[in-house]
Amino acid sequence: MNKGKIIICFILILLFQTACSNKQKENPKDMNKESMELDAIKTSYLSDCPNFSIDELINNYLDNAKWSVEQKNNTYNVSGLVNENGTSTNILMQFVKDGDTISLKNVLVDDVDESQENNYKLIMKMCQNAEDKKREEEHKKWLKYQEDKVTKIPNGYVTYQLNVNMLTTYNNSIFPDSYIDLYDYTSKIIVSRVKVLQVLDKNDNYVFDPYNTEENREPSKIIILITIEDKERIDYIDGKVMFAPAQ
């Protein structure tokens, strides 16, 4: 290779490095701006579903969600899969920003444009799905709290079970965190103000489960919290106690 060719190659290398360097200097700013705009979209709310952000709707509904930005026309795309009834469907959703307003511009299902009516139905479905999952998570926390009530008890106390029915609970007037008095067969109070931890039906379901909307549960047993000494008193009379809401 002669000297002229070497000089030309050297110049081309310098130009290439300069171009790459300029590109690297510009990209971080562009990427940061794009990331900030995208975050603003994700944390926005649609008027048809004001209780959940767009990001929450997407994450609760689409698998493998991927976002992209078309800055020229202020369009923000997210694509992913919906798996229902053993079938996977490709979904592409396009959001647009007009001032401070974010709206759903278009939806493609397996590359087919959906009507505006179907777009609205999809948002409503996603909104309900997010609501169901939120309720499910809250129910799990509530169930864990109920479990802890009978497993994490103070020192010197024990749990005790009493069999009940609708009549003896005064038509569900005895409920969790209420208090009852325990009586012996002579109607003498042997333990006063005993805390009720749980009220269960015959299948050990929580009668006062606020997330139960499917069945009417009747009380079959209550779990109370008593001291070890009070349990000994109950055992002394073979557990034959009566009870009533605390006076």
Protein backbone atom coordinates (compact mmCIF):
# COMPACT_ATOMS: atom_id res chain seq x y z
CA MET A 1 0.00 0.00 0.00
CA ASN A 2 1.54 3.37 -1.07
CA LYS A 3 1.75 6.44 1.11
CA GLY A 4 -1.24 8.19 -0.58
CA LYS A 5 -3.59 5.31 0.14
CA ILE A 6 -2.43 5.17 3.75
CA ILE A 7 -3.22 8.87 4.21
CA ILE A 8 -6.67 8.45 2.63
CA CYS A 9 -7.47 5.47 4.89
CA PHE A 10 -6.33 7.44 7.92
CA ILE A 11 -8.56 10.40 7.00
CA LEU A 12 -11.57 8.11 6.49
CA ILE A 13 -11.01 6.50 9.89
CA LEU A 14 -10.87 9.94 11.54
CA LEU A 15 -14.09 11.02 9.81
CA PHE A 16 -15.83 7.81 10.87
CA GLN A 17 -14.72 8.21 14.49
CA THR A 18 -15.84 11.86 14.50
CA ALA A 19 -19.26 10.95 13.13
CA CYS A 20 -19.68 8.19 15.72
CA SER A 21 -18.54 10.55 18.46
CA ASN A 22 -21.09 13.19 17.45
CA LYS A 23 -23.83 10.57 17.29
CA GLN A 24 -22.95 9.32 20.77
CA LYS A 25 -23.09 12.88 22.08
CA GLU A 26 -26.56 13.43 20.61
CA ASN A 27 -28.14 10.07 21.44
CA PRO A 28 -28.14 10.34 25.25
CA LYS A 29 -30.12 13.61 25.09
CA ASP A 30 -32.58 12.25 22.56
CA MET A 31 -32.96 9.02 24.48
CA ASN A 32 -33.48 10.89 27.74
CA LYS A 33 -36.13 13.14 26.19
CA GLU A 34 -37.89 10.14 24.67
CA SER A 35 -37.76 8.29 27.99
CA MET A 36 -39.24 11.27 29.86
CA GLU A 37 -42.04 11.63 27.31
CA LEU A 38 -42.79 7.93 27.50
CA ASP A 39 -42.86 8.00 31.30
CA ALA A 40 -45.33 10.89 31.13
CA ILE A 41 -47.59 8.78 28.91
CA LYS A 42 -47.35 5.72 31.12
CA THR A 43 -48.28 7.64 34.25
CA SER A 44 -51.22 9.38 32.57
CA TYR A 45 -54.87 8.36 32.94
CA LEU A 46 -57.57 7.82 30.35
CA SER A 47 -60.89 9.55 30.92
CA ASP A 48 -62.72 6.23 30.42
CA CYS A 49 -60.68 4.56 33.19
CA PRO A 50 -59.60 7.23 35.69
CA ASN A 51 -58.59 4.87 38.52
CA PHE A 52 -55.61 3.25 36.81
CA SER A 53 -52.67 4.69 34.93
CA ILE A 54 -52.02 3.61 31.34
CA ASP A 55 -48.99 1.65 32.55
CA GLU A 56 -51.12 -0.22 35.11
CA LEU A 57 -53.70 -1.07 32.44
CA ILE A 58 -51.03 -2.36 30.08
CA ASN A 59 -49.09 -4.38 32.65
CA ASN A 60 -52.25 -6.03 33.95
CA TYR A 61 -53.44 -7.01 30.48
CA LEU A 62 -50.56 -7.49 28.03
CA ASP A 63 -47.72 -9.99 28.29
CA ASN A 64 -44.25 -8.95 27.09
CA ALA A 65 -45.36 -5.34 26.56
CA LYS A 66 -42.94 -3.26 24.51
CA TRP A 67 -43.14 0.50 23.96
CA SER A 68 -41.94 2.62 21.05
CA VAL A 69 -42.20 6.33 20.27
CA GLU A 70 -42.97 8.20 17.05
CA GLN A 71 -41.93 11.71 18.02
CA LYS A 72 -42.91 13.34 14.71
CA ASN A 73 -46.61 12.76 15.27
CA ASN A 74 -46.62 12.41 19.07
CA THR A 75 -47.65 8.77 18.86
CA TYR A 76 -46.74 6.23 21.52
CA ASN A 77 -47.09 2.56 20.62
CA VAL A 78 -47.23 -0.46 22.89
CA SER A 79 -47.45 -4.04 21.69
CA GLY A 80 -47.81 -7.35 23.46
CA LEU A 81 -49.70 -10.60 23.75
CA VAL A 82 -53.06 -11.40 25.27
CA ASN A 83 -53.47 -15.04 26.29
CA GLU A 84 -57.09 -16.04 26.73
CA ASN A 85 -58.73 -19.46 26.50
CA GLY A 86 -55.50 -21.03 25.27
CA THR A 87 -55.15 -18.56 22.38
CA SER A 88 -52.50 -15.86 21.99
CA THR A 89 -53.46 -12.61 20.29
CA ASN A 90 -51.10 -9.84 19.18
CA ILE A 91 -52.23 -6.40 20.31
CA LEU A 92 -50.84 -3.06 19.19
CA MET A 93 -52.18 0.06 20.87
CA GLN A 94 -51.40 3.59 19.70
CA PHE A 95 -51.75 6.53 22.09
CA VAL A 96 -51.55 10.14 21.02
CA LYS A 97 -50.80 13.28 23.01
CA ASP A 98 -52.59 16.52 22.19
CA GLY A 99 -51.44 19.14 24.67
CA ASP A 100 -52.16 17.64 28.10
CA THR A 101 -54.72 15.17 26.77
CA ILE A 102 -53.80 11.53 26.19
CA SER A 103 -56.14 9.38 24.13
CA LEU A 104 -56.21 6.01 22.44
CA LYS A 105 -55.87 6.57 18.71
CA ASN A 106 -55.96 3.07 17.30
CA VAL A 107 -55.84 -0.63 18.15
CA LEU A 108 -54.61 -3.44 15.93
CA VAL A 109 -55.56 -7.01 16.80
CA ASP A 110 -53.42 -9.47 14.88
CA ASP A 111 -52.59 -6.58 12.49
CA VAL A 112 -56.27 -5.79 11.86
CA ASP A 113 -57.64 -2.31 12.67
CA GLU A 114 -60.39 -2.27 15.25
CA SER A 115 -63.39 0.05 15.25
CA GLN A 116 -63.66 2.90 17.74
CA GLU A 117 -66.43 1.00 19.47
CA ASN A 118 -64.20 -2.03 19.92
CA ASN A 119 -61.39 0.23 21.13
CA TYR A 120 -63.70 1.55 23.85
CA LYS A 121 -64.74 -2.00 24.76
CA LEU A 122 -61.08 -2.99 25.03
CA ILE A 123 -60.33 -0.14 27.43
CA MET A 124 -63.33 -1.11 29.55
CA LYS A 125 -62.14 -4.72 29.57
CA MET A 126 -58.63 -3.68 30.58
CA CYS A 127 -60.05 -1.43 33.27
CA GLN A 128 -62.16 -4.25 34.73
CA ASN A 129 -59.20 -6.60 34.54
CA ALA A 130 -57.06 -4.17 36.51
CA GLU A 131 -59.85 -3.72 39.06
CA ASP A 132 -60.20 -7.51 39.46
CA LYS A 133 -56.47 -7.98 39.99
CA LYS A 134 -56.35 -5.14 42.49
CA ARG A 135 -59.24 -6.68 44.40
CA GLU A 136 -57.55 -10.09 44.28
CA GLU A 137 -54.33 -8.67 45.74
CA GLU A 138 -56.26 -6.85 48.47
CA HIS A 139 -58.11 -10.06 49.31
CA LYS A 140 -54.83 -11.94 49.66
CA LYS A 141 -53.60 -9.32 52.13
CA TRP A 142 -56.88 -9.52 54.04
CA LEU A 143 -56.66 -13.34 54.24
CA LYS A 144 -53.06 -13.09 55.47
CA TYR A 145 -54.19 -10.68 58.16
CA GLN A 146 -56.90 -13.11 59.28
CA GLU A 147 -54.36 -15.92 59.44
CA ASP A 148 -51.97 -13.81 61.50
CA LYS A 149 -54.73 -13.02 63.99
CA VAL A 150 -54.81 -16.64 65.17
CA THR A 151 -51.13 -17.51 64.72
CA LYS A 152 -49.44 -14.39 66.08
CA ILE A 153 -51.02 -14.03 69.50
CA PRO A 154 -49.63 -12.32 72.62
CA ASN A 155 -47.75 -14.27 75.25
CA GLY A 156 -50.01 -15.67 77.93
CA TYR A 157 -52.97 -15.99 75.56
CA VAL A 158 -54.48 -18.86 73.59
CA THR A 159 -57.23 -19.19 71.01
CA TYR A 160 -60.41 -21.06 71.84
CA GLN A 161 -63.26 -22.28 69.63
CA LEU A 162 -66.96 -22.07 70.44
CA ASN A 163 -69.66 -23.69 68.34
CA VAL A 164 -72.36 -21.24 67.30
CA ASN A 165 -75.28 -20.70 64.96
CA MET A 166 -77.37 -17.78 63.76
CA LEU A 167 -79.46 -17.84 66.95
CA THR A 168 -76.55 -17.88 69.42
CA THR A 169 -74.72 -15.15 67.53
CA TYR A 170 -77.85 -12.98 67.78
CA ASN A 171 -78.28 -12.96 64.00
CA ASN A 172 -74.64 -12.16 63.28
CA SER A 173 -74.40 -9.53 65.98
CA ILE A 174 -71.19 -11.21 67.10
CA PHE A 175 -68.45 -10.45 64.58
CA PRO A 176 -64.63 -10.19 64.42
CA ASP A 177 -63.08 -7.68 66.85
CA SER A 178 -66.27 -7.49 68.88
CA TYR A 179 -66.37 -8.65 72.51
CA ILE A 180 -68.44 -11.22 74.36
CA ASP A 181 -68.99 -12.28 77.95
CA LEU A 182 -68.78 -15.96 78.89
CA TYR A 183 -71.27 -17.44 81.39
CA ASP A 184 -71.48 -20.73 83.25
CA TYR A 185 -74.68 -22.78 83.50
CA THR A 186 -75.89 -20.61 86.40
CA SER A 187 -75.68 -17.51 84.16
CA LYS A 188 -72.74 -16.22 86.15
CA ILE A 189 -70.06 -14.40 84.21
CA ILE A 190 -66.83 -16.36 84.35
CA VAL A 191 -64.88 -14.30 81.78
CA SER A 192 -65.82 -10.81 80.64
CA ARG A 193 -64.98 -8.92 77.48
CA VAL A 194 -63.40 -11.70 75.47
CA LYS A 195 -62.26 -10.63 72.03
CA VAL A 196 -63.68 -12.42 68.99
CA LEU A 197 -60.99 -13.07 66.40
CA GLN A 198 -62.93 -14.86 63.70
CA VAL A 199 -66.38 -16.10 62.78
CA LEU A 200 -66.35 -19.16 60.51
CA ASP A 201 -68.96 -21.19 58.65
CA LYS A 202 -69.15 -24.99 58.55
CA ASN A 203 -66.49 -25.06 55.82
CA ASP A 204 -64.14 -22.80 57.76
CA ASN A 205 -64.79 -19.87 55.45
CA TYR A 206 -64.86 -16.39 56.94
CA VAL A 207 -68.46 -15.34 57.44
CA PHE A 208 -67.58 -11.65 57.37
CA ASP A 209 -65.28 -11.81 54.36
CA PRO A 210 -65.84 -8.41 52.66
CA TYR A 211 -64.64 -9.87 49.35
CA ASN A 212 -67.23 -12.64 49.29
CA THR A 213 -70.05 -11.74 46.94
CA GLU A 214 -71.10 -15.20 45.83
CA GLU A 215 -72.59 -16.96 48.82
CA ASN A 216 -74.47 -16.34 52.03
CA ARG A 217 -72.39 -17.83 54.84
CA GLU A 218 -73.89 -18.74 58.19
CA PRO A 219 -71.81 -18.87 61.38
CA SER A 220 -70.80 -22.26 62.70
CA LYS A 221 -67.96 -21.44 65.06
CA ILE A 222 -66.17 -18.47 66.53
CA ILE A 223 -62.52 -18.19 67.52
CA ILE A 224 -61.88 -16.15 70.66
CA LEU A 225 -58.75 -14.92 72.39
CA ILE A 226 -58.45 -15.74 76.09
CA THR A 227 -55.74 -15.96 78.70
CA ILE A 228 -54.35 -19.32 79.75
CA GLU A 229 -55.97 -18.87 83.16
CA ASP A 230 -59.39 -18.20 81.59
CA LYS A 231 -59.04 -21.32 79.46
CA GLU A 232 -58.44 -23.34 82.61
CA ARG A 233 -61.69 -21.97 84.04
CA ILE A 234 -63.57 -23.02 80.92
CA ASP A 235 -61.97 -26.45 80.94
CA TYR A 236 -62.95 -26.84 84.59
CA ILE A 237 -66.63 -26.79 83.59
CA ASP A 238 -65.95 -29.01 80.56
CA GLY A 239 -66.29 -26.13 78.14
CA LYS A 240 -70.00 -25.79 78.85
CA VAL A 241 -70.26 -22.07 78.53
CA MET A 242 -72.84 -19.65 77.22
CA PHE A 243 -72.04 -16.29 75.79
CA ALA A 244 -73.56 -12.97 74.79
CA PRO A 245 -72.34 -9.65 73.46
CA ALA A 246 -70.30 -7.94 76.14
CA GLN A 247 -72.15 -5.61 78.46
